[in-house]
Amino acid sequence: MAHSGQCFCGEVQFEVAGEPVAMGYCHCESCRHWSAGPVNAFSLWKPEALGVKRGANLIGTFNKTPISYRKWCTRCGGHVFTDHPTMGLVDVYAALLPTLRFQPGVHVNYHETVLHIHDGVAKMKDMPQEMGGSGVTLPD
């Protein structure tokens, strides 16, 4: 299965193929500021699952920390994805994949939340151990 997405103006177009490694919500301050929302819905993919179909020359990069290289369209400013080299994954923002059936499996960095969500989905204090976090879960 393939899912197509694009930036705000449509000049950057991309596709992901297969199934995501994980899906969930990030509550960290950095993601909240980047997404301009109280929480960021993510879908994590192996880098080889992502292909830029158009506008690769228009993709800008900013990294505040070594864990996240945030990508956006330099024409419209629309966010497209984030490379996570230390995890070997790329986050394609769930909102940009309209055909993806978003099924969140985890909330990460929940100790930083500004929007408490009571949905029965695991709430990680920071990140799962396999992603370099403590693996500590918090109450729903």
N, C-alpha and C. Protein backbone atom coordinates (compact mmCIF):
# COMPACT_ATOMS: atom_id res chain seq x y z
N MET A 1 0.85 -1.18 0.00
CA MET A 1 0.00 0.00 0.00
C MET A 1 0.89 1.24 0.00
N ALA A 2 0.55 2.22 -0.79
CA ALA A 2 1.29 3.48 -0.85
C ALA A 2 0.36 4.62 -0.47
N HIS A 3 0.94 5.63 0.16
CA HIS A 3 0.20 6.82 0.57
C HIS A 3 0.95 8.04 0.07
N SER A 4 0.22 8.95 -0.55
CA SER A 4 0.82 10.17 -1.09
C SER A 4 0.52 11.35 -0.19
N GLY A 5 1.46 12.28 -0.17
CA GLY A 5 1.29 13.51 0.60
C GLY A 5 1.97 14.66 -0.10
N GLN A 6 1.73 15.85 0.40
CA GLN A 6 2.35 17.04 -0.19
C GLN A 6 2.42 18.15 0.84
N CYS A 7 3.22 19.15 0.51
CA CYS A 7 3.31 20.35 1.35
C CYS A 7 2.04 21.19 1.16
N PHE A 8 1.98 22.31 1.79
CA PHE A 8 0.80 23.19 1.76
C PHE A 8 0.47 23.69 0.35
N CYS A 9 1.51 24.04 -0.43
CA CYS A 9 1.26 24.56 -1.78
C CYS A 9 1.25 23.46 -2.84
N GLY A 10 1.70 22.27 -2.49
CA GLY A 10 1.70 21.15 -3.42
C GLY A 10 2.95 21.01 -4.26
N GLU A 11 3.92 21.91 -4.10
CA GLU A 11 5.15 21.82 -4.89
C GLU A 11 6.04 20.66 -4.46
N VAL A 12 6.01 20.31 -3.16
CA VAL A 12 6.74 19.14 -2.68
C VAL A 12 5.73 18.01 -2.55
N GLN A 13 5.97 16.95 -3.30
CA GLN A 13 5.08 15.79 -3.25
C GLN A 13 5.91 14.56 -2.92
N PHE A 14 5.35 13.69 -2.10
CA PHE A 14 6.08 12.51 -1.66
C PHE A 14 5.13 11.34 -1.51
N GLU A 15 5.72 10.17 -1.30
CA GLU A 15 4.94 8.96 -1.13
C GLU A 15 5.66 8.07 -0.12
N VAL A 16 4.88 7.36 0.69
CA VAL A 16 5.42 6.32 1.55
C VAL A 16 4.78 5.01 1.14
N ALA A 17 5.57 3.95 1.19
CA ALA A 17 5.08 2.64 0.76
C ALA A 17 5.21 1.64 1.90
N GLY A 18 4.25 0.74 1.96
CA GLY A 18 4.27 -0.29 2.98
C GLY A 18 3.49 0.14 4.21
N GLU A 19 3.96 -0.31 5.35
CA GLU A 19 3.30 0.00 6.62
C GLU A 19 4.24 0.78 7.51
N PRO A 20 3.71 1.72 8.29
CA PRO A 20 4.58 2.44 9.22
C PRO A 20 5.10 1.53 10.32
N VAL A 21 6.24 1.87 10.86
CA VAL A 21 6.83 1.14 11.99
C VAL A 21 6.01 1.40 13.25
N ALA A 22 5.54 2.64 13.39
CA ALA A 22 4.73 3.02 14.56
C ALA A 22 3.93 4.26 14.22
N MET A 23 2.85 4.46 14.97
CA MET A 23 2.04 5.67 14.87
C MET A 23 1.66 6.09 16.28
N GLY A 24 1.56 7.38 16.47
CA GLY A 24 1.17 7.87 17.79
C GLY A 24 1.15 9.37 17.85
N TYR A 25 1.23 9.86 19.07
CA TYR A 25 1.20 11.29 19.33
C TYR A 25 2.43 11.70 20.11
N CYS A 26 3.04 12.81 19.74
CA CYS A 26 4.15 13.36 20.50
C CYS A 26 3.67 14.63 21.20
N HIS A 27 4.01 14.74 22.47
CA HIS A 27 3.58 15.86 23.30
C HIS A 27 4.75 16.77 23.68
N CYS A 28 5.94 16.56 23.13
CA CYS A 28 7.10 17.37 23.53
C CYS A 28 6.94 18.82 23.06
N GLU A 29 7.61 19.69 23.78
CA GLU A 29 7.53 21.12 23.46
C GLU A 29 8.01 21.41 22.05
N SER A 30 9.07 20.73 21.63
CA SER A 30 9.63 20.96 20.31
C SER A 30 8.61 20.62 19.21
N CYS A 31 7.95 19.47 19.30
CA CYS A 31 6.94 19.09 18.31
C CYS A 31 5.72 20.02 18.37
N ARG A 32 5.35 20.42 19.58
CA ARG A 32 4.21 21.33 19.70
C ARG A 32 4.51 22.66 19.00
N HIS A 33 5.70 23.19 19.21
CA HIS A 33 6.05 24.45 18.56
C HIS A 33 6.15 24.29 17.05
N TRP A 34 6.75 23.20 16.60
CA TRP A 34 6.91 22.98 15.17
C TRP A 34 5.55 22.81 14.49
N SER A 35 4.64 22.07 15.12
CA SER A 35 3.34 21.80 14.51
C SER A 35 2.32 22.89 14.79
N ALA A 36 2.65 23.82 15.68
CA ALA A 36 1.74 24.90 16.07
C ALA A 36 0.43 24.35 16.63
N GLY A 37 0.54 23.25 17.37
CA GLY A 37 -0.62 22.62 17.98
C GLY A 37 -0.26 22.02 19.32
N PRO A 38 -1.24 21.59 20.09
CA PRO A 38 -0.97 21.04 21.41
C PRO A 38 -0.40 19.63 21.40
N VAL A 39 -0.43 18.97 20.24
CA VAL A 39 0.07 17.61 20.11
C VAL A 39 0.37 17.37 18.62
N ASN A 40 1.33 16.48 18.33
CA ASN A 40 1.67 16.17 16.95
C ASN A 40 1.42 14.69 16.67
N ALA A 41 0.59 14.40 15.68
CA ALA A 41 0.32 13.02 15.27
C ALA A 41 1.42 12.59 14.31
N PHE A 42 2.11 11.48 14.65
CA PHE A 42 3.22 11.02 13.82
C PHE A 42 2.97 9.64 13.25
N SER A 43 3.64 9.38 12.15
CA SER A 43 3.74 8.03 11.59
C SER A 43 5.21 7.83 11.25
N LEU A 44 5.81 6.81 11.83
CA LEU A 44 7.23 6.55 11.65
C LEU A 44 7.45 5.46 10.61
N TRP A 45 8.38 5.72 9.71
CA TRP A 45 8.67 4.82 8.59
C TRP A 45 10.17 4.60 8.48
N LYS A 46 10.54 3.47 7.90
CA LYS A 46 11.94 3.27 7.52
C LYS A 46 12.24 4.27 6.41
N PRO A 47 13.43 4.87 6.40
CA PRO A 47 13.75 5.88 5.38
C PRO A 47 13.53 5.41 3.95
N GLU A 48 13.78 4.14 3.68
CA GLU A 48 13.62 3.65 2.30
C GLU A 48 12.16 3.57 1.87
N ALA A 49 11.22 3.70 2.81
CA ALA A 49 9.79 3.69 2.46
C ALA A 49 9.33 5.04 1.91
N LEU A 50 10.12 6.09 2.12
CA LEU A 50 9.76 7.44 1.70
C LEU A 50 10.44 7.80 0.39
N GLY A 51 9.66 8.29 -0.55
CA GLY A 51 10.21 8.78 -1.81
C GLY A 51 9.64 10.15 -2.13
N VAL A 52 10.53 11.09 -2.42
CA VAL A 52 10.08 12.42 -2.84
C VAL A 52 9.85 12.35 -4.34
N LYS A 53 8.64 12.64 -4.76
CA LYS A 53 8.24 12.53 -6.16
C LYS A 53 8.42 13.83 -6.92
N ARG A 54 8.36 14.94 -6.22
CA ARG A 54 8.47 16.26 -6.87
C ARG A 54 8.93 17.28 -5.83
N GLY A 55 9.76 18.20 -6.26
CA GLY A 55 10.15 19.32 -5.41
C GLY A 55 11.25 19.05 -4.41
N ALA A 56 12.06 18.03 -4.62
CA ALA A 56 13.14 17.73 -3.68
C ALA A 56 14.06 18.93 -3.49
N ASN A 57 14.25 19.72 -4.52
CA ASN A 57 15.11 20.90 -4.45
C ASN A 57 14.49 22.01 -3.60
N LEU A 58 13.22 21.89 -3.26
CA LEU A 58 12.53 22.89 -2.44
C LEU A 58 12.45 22.51 -0.97
N ILE A 59 13.05 21.38 -0.59
CA ILE A 59 12.97 20.93 0.80
C ILE A 59 14.08 21.56 1.62
N GLY A 60 13.67 22.31 2.64
CA GLY A 60 14.62 22.91 3.59
C GLY A 60 14.71 22.03 4.83
N THR A 61 15.81 22.20 5.57
CA THR A 61 16.06 21.40 6.77
C THR A 61 16.47 22.29 7.92
N PHE A 62 15.95 21.98 9.10
CA PHE A 62 16.38 22.64 10.33
C PHE A 62 16.48 21.58 11.41
N ASN A 63 17.60 21.57 12.13
CA ASN A 63 17.70 20.66 13.26
C ASN A 63 18.11 21.43 14.50
N LYS A 64 17.22 21.39 15.48
CA LYS A 64 17.45 22.01 16.79
C LYS A 64 18.25 21.06 17.67
N THR A 65 18.03 19.76 17.46
CA THR A 65 18.73 18.72 18.21
C THR A 65 19.19 17.65 17.24
N PRO A 66 20.16 16.82 17.63
CA PRO A 66 20.64 15.77 16.73
C PRO A 66 19.61 14.68 16.44
N ILE A 67 18.52 14.62 17.19
CA ILE A 67 17.53 13.56 17.02
C ILE A 67 16.50 13.89 15.92
N SER A 68 16.34 15.17 15.57
CA SER A 68 15.28 15.56 14.63
C SER A 68 15.77 16.56 13.60
N TYR A 69 15.71 16.16 12.34
CA TYR A 69 16.01 17.05 11.22
C TYR A 69 14.68 17.34 10.53
N ARG A 70 14.10 18.48 10.86
CA ARG A 70 12.76 18.83 10.39
C ARG A 70 12.82 19.37 8.96
N LYS A 71 11.89 18.92 8.13
CA LYS A 71 11.87 19.27 6.70
C LYS A 71 10.60 20.04 6.37
N TRP A 72 10.76 21.03 5.50
CA TRP A 72 9.63 21.85 5.07
C TRP A 72 9.85 22.33 3.65
N CYS A 73 8.79 22.82 3.04
CA CYS A 73 8.86 23.39 1.70
C CYS A 73 9.36 24.83 1.82
N THR A 74 10.42 25.15 1.10
CA THR A 74 10.97 26.51 1.17
C THR A 74 10.13 27.52 0.40
N ARG A 75 9.18 27.03 -0.39
CA ARG A 75 8.30 27.95 -1.13
C ARG A 75 7.13 28.40 -0.26
N CYS A 76 6.42 27.45 0.39
CA CYS A 76 5.23 27.81 1.16
C CYS A 76 5.42 27.70 2.67
N GLY A 77 6.50 27.05 3.10
CA GLY A 77 6.73 26.85 4.54
C GLY A 77 6.02 25.65 5.11
N GLY A 78 5.28 24.92 4.27
CA GLY A 78 4.54 23.75 4.75
C GLY A 78 5.47 22.64 5.21
N HIS A 79 5.19 22.09 6.38
CA HIS A 79 6.00 21.01 6.93
C HIS A 79 5.69 19.70 6.21
N VAL A 80 6.70 18.87 6.02
CA VAL A 80 6.49 17.63 5.30
C VAL A 80 6.89 16.38 6.09
N PHE A 81 8.06 16.36 6.68
CA PHE A 81 8.48 15.21 7.47
C PHE A 81 9.69 15.58 8.32
N THR A 82 10.08 14.65 9.19
CA THR A 82 11.24 14.83 10.06
C THR A 82 12.10 13.58 10.01
N ASP A 83 13.37 13.73 9.68
CA ASP A 83 14.31 12.62 9.75
C ASP A 83 14.76 12.47 11.20
N HIS A 84 14.78 11.22 11.68
CA HIS A 84 15.28 10.90 13.02
C HIS A 84 16.47 9.95 12.85
N PRO A 85 17.66 10.48 12.53
CA PRO A 85 18.79 9.61 12.21
C PRO A 85 19.22 8.71 13.36
N THR A 86 19.09 9.15 14.60
CA THR A 86 19.50 8.31 15.72
C THR A 86 18.58 7.11 15.91
N MET A 87 17.37 7.20 15.39
CA MET A 87 16.42 6.09 15.47
C MET A 87 16.36 5.30 14.16
N GLY A 88 16.93 5.84 13.10
CA GLY A 88 16.87 5.20 11.80
C GLY A 88 15.47 5.22 11.22
N LEU A 89 14.72 6.31 11.52
CA LEU A 89 13.33 6.43 11.07
C LEU A 89 13.05 7.82 10.55
N VAL A 90 11.97 7.94 9.81
CA VAL A 90 11.49 9.24 9.35
C VAL A 90 10.02 9.37 9.77
N ASP A 91 9.68 10.54 10.30
CA ASP A 91 8.32 10.83 10.72
C ASP A 91 7.63 11.58 9.61
N VAL A 92 6.62 10.95 9.03
CA VAL A 92 5.78 11.64 8.05
C VAL A 92 4.51 12.02 8.81
N TYR A 93 4.26 13.32 8.90
CA TYR A 93 3.15 13.81 9.71
C TYR A 93 1.85 13.18 9.25
N ALA A 94 1.16 12.55 10.17
CA ALA A 94 -0.05 11.81 9.85
C ALA A 94 -1.08 12.67 9.11
N ALA A 95 -1.15 13.93 9.44
CA ALA A 95 -2.12 14.83 8.80
C ALA A 95 -1.87 14.99 7.30
N LEU A 96 -0.66 14.67 6.84
CA LEU A 96 -0.32 14.83 5.43
C LEU A 96 -0.56 13.57 4.61
N LEU A 97 -1.04 12.53 5.26
CA LEU A 97 -1.30 11.26 4.57
C LEU A 97 -2.79 10.94 4.67
N PRO A 98 -3.61 11.55 3.81
CA PRO A 98 -5.06 11.40 3.94
C PRO A 98 -5.58 9.98 3.78
N THR A 99 -4.84 9.10 3.12
CA THR A 99 -5.32 7.73 2.94
C THR A 99 -4.82 6.77 4.02
N LEU A 100 -3.94 7.24 4.88
CA LEU A 100 -3.41 6.41 5.96
C LEU A 100 -4.47 6.26 7.05
N ARG A 101 -4.77 5.04 7.42
CA ARG A 101 -5.68 4.81 8.54
C ARG A 101 -4.86 4.96 9.81
N PHE A 102 -4.95 6.13 10.40
CA PHE A 102 -4.14 6.46 11.57
C PHE A 102 -4.63 5.70 12.79
N GLN A 103 -3.76 4.84 13.32
CA GLN A 103 -4.09 4.06 14.51
C GLN A 103 -2.97 4.26 15.53
N PRO A 104 -3.13 5.27 16.39
CA PRO A 104 -2.07 5.57 17.35
C PRO A 104 -1.86 4.43 18.34
N GLY A 105 -0.60 4.07 18.55
CA GLY A 105 -0.27 3.01 19.49
C GLY A 105 0.38 3.50 20.75
N VAL A 106 0.74 4.79 20.77
CA VAL A 106 1.49 5.31 21.91
C VAL A 106 1.43 6.84 21.93
N HIS A 107 1.52 7.38 23.12
CA HIS A 107 1.76 8.82 23.32
C HIS A 107 3.18 8.92 23.85
N VAL A 108 4.04 9.73 23.24
CA VAL A 108 5.40 9.90 23.73
C VAL A 108 5.59 11.29 24.32
N ASN A 109 6.57 11.39 25.21
CA ASN A 109 6.89 12.65 25.91
C ASN A 109 5.66 13.22 26.63
N TYR A 110 4.88 12.31 27.20
CA TYR A 110 3.62 12.72 27.83
C TYR A 110 3.85 13.56 29.08
N HIS A 111 5.02 13.48 29.68
CA HIS A 111 5.28 14.31 30.86
C HIS A 111 5.31 15.80 30.51
N GLU A 112 5.40 16.13 29.21
CA GLU A 112 5.39 17.52 28.76
C GLU A 112 4.02 17.97 28.25
N THR A 113 3.02 17.12 28.33
CA THR A 113 1.74 17.42 27.69
C THR A 113 1.08 18.70 28.21
N VAL A 114 0.38 19.35 27.32
CA VAL A 114 -0.48 20.49 27.67
C VAL A 114 -1.94 20.14 27.35
N LEU A 115 -2.14 18.95 26.77
CA LEU A 115 -3.47 18.48 26.42
C LEU A 115 -3.59 17.02 26.86
N HIS A 116 -4.23 16.80 27.98
CA HIS A 116 -4.41 15.44 28.49
C HIS A 116 -5.47 14.74 27.66
N ILE A 117 -5.12 13.55 27.17
CA ILE A 117 -6.00 12.77 26.32
C ILE A 117 -6.25 11.43 27.00
N HIS A 118 -7.49 11.13 27.29
CA HIS A 118 -7.87 9.89 27.96
C HIS A 118 -8.48 8.96 26.92
N ASP A 119 -7.59 8.18 26.26
CA ASP A 119 -8.03 7.32 25.17
C ASP A 119 -7.64 5.86 25.34
N GLY A 120 -7.06 5.53 26.48
CA GLY A 120 -6.65 4.16 26.72
C GLY A 120 -5.37 3.75 26.02
N VAL A 121 -4.74 4.65 25.29
CA VAL A 121 -3.48 4.37 24.59
C VAL A 121 -2.33 4.65 25.56
N ALA A 122 -1.29 3.82 25.54
CA ALA A 122 -0.15 3.95 26.45
C ALA A 122 0.44 5.35 26.42
N LYS A 123 0.74 5.87 27.60
CA LYS A 123 1.35 7.20 27.76
C LYS A 123 2.78 7.00 28.26
N MET A 124 3.75 7.29 27.42
CA MET A 124 5.15 7.15 27.80
C MET A 124 5.65 8.46 28.40
N LYS A 125 6.37 8.35 29.52
CA LYS A 125 6.96 9.55 30.12
C LYS A 125 7.80 10.28 29.08
N ASP A 126 8.66 9.53 28.40
CA ASP A 126 9.47 10.09 27.33
C ASP A 126 9.30 9.22 26.09
N MET A 127 10.17 8.26 25.89
CA MET A 127 10.11 7.40 24.70
C MET A 127 10.24 5.94 25.13
N PRO A 128 9.82 5.01 24.27
CA PRO A 128 10.07 3.59 24.54
C PRO A 128 11.57 3.32 24.61
N GLN A 129 11.96 2.31 25.37
CA GLN A 129 13.38 1.98 25.51
C GLN A 129 14.06 1.73 24.17
N GLU A 130 13.35 1.04 23.26
CA GLU A 130 13.97 0.71 21.97
C GLU A 130 14.23 1.95 21.12
N MET A 131 13.69 3.10 21.53
CA MET A 131 13.93 4.36 20.83
C MET A 131 14.81 5.29 21.66
N GLY A 132 15.44 4.75 22.70
CA GLY A 132 16.38 5.53 23.50
C GLY A 132 15.78 6.19 24.73
N GLY A 133 14.51 5.89 25.04
CA GLY A 133 13.85 6.49 26.20
C GLY A 133 13.93 5.60 27.42
N SER A 134 13.25 6.02 28.48
CA SER A 134 13.24 5.27 29.73
C SER A 134 12.29 4.10 29.70
N GLY A 135 11.28 4.15 28.84
CA GLY A 135 10.27 3.11 28.79
C GLY A 135 9.23 3.22 29.89
N VAL A 136 9.30 4.27 30.68
CA VAL A 136 8.37 4.47 31.79
C VAL A 136 7.01 4.93 31.25
N THR A 137 5.95 4.26 31.68
CA THR A 137 4.60 4.67 31.30
C THR A 137 3.96 5.45 32.43
N LEU A 138 3.06 6.34 32.05
CA LEU A 138 2.33 7.18 32.99
C LEU A 138 0.86 6.77 32.97
N PRO A 139 0.12 7.11 34.02
CA PRO A 139 -1.31 6.77 34.04
C PRO A 139 -2.09 7.52 32.97
N ASP A 140 -3.15 6.87 32.50
CA ASP A 140 -4.04 7.48 31.50
C ASP A 140 -4.80 8.59 32.19
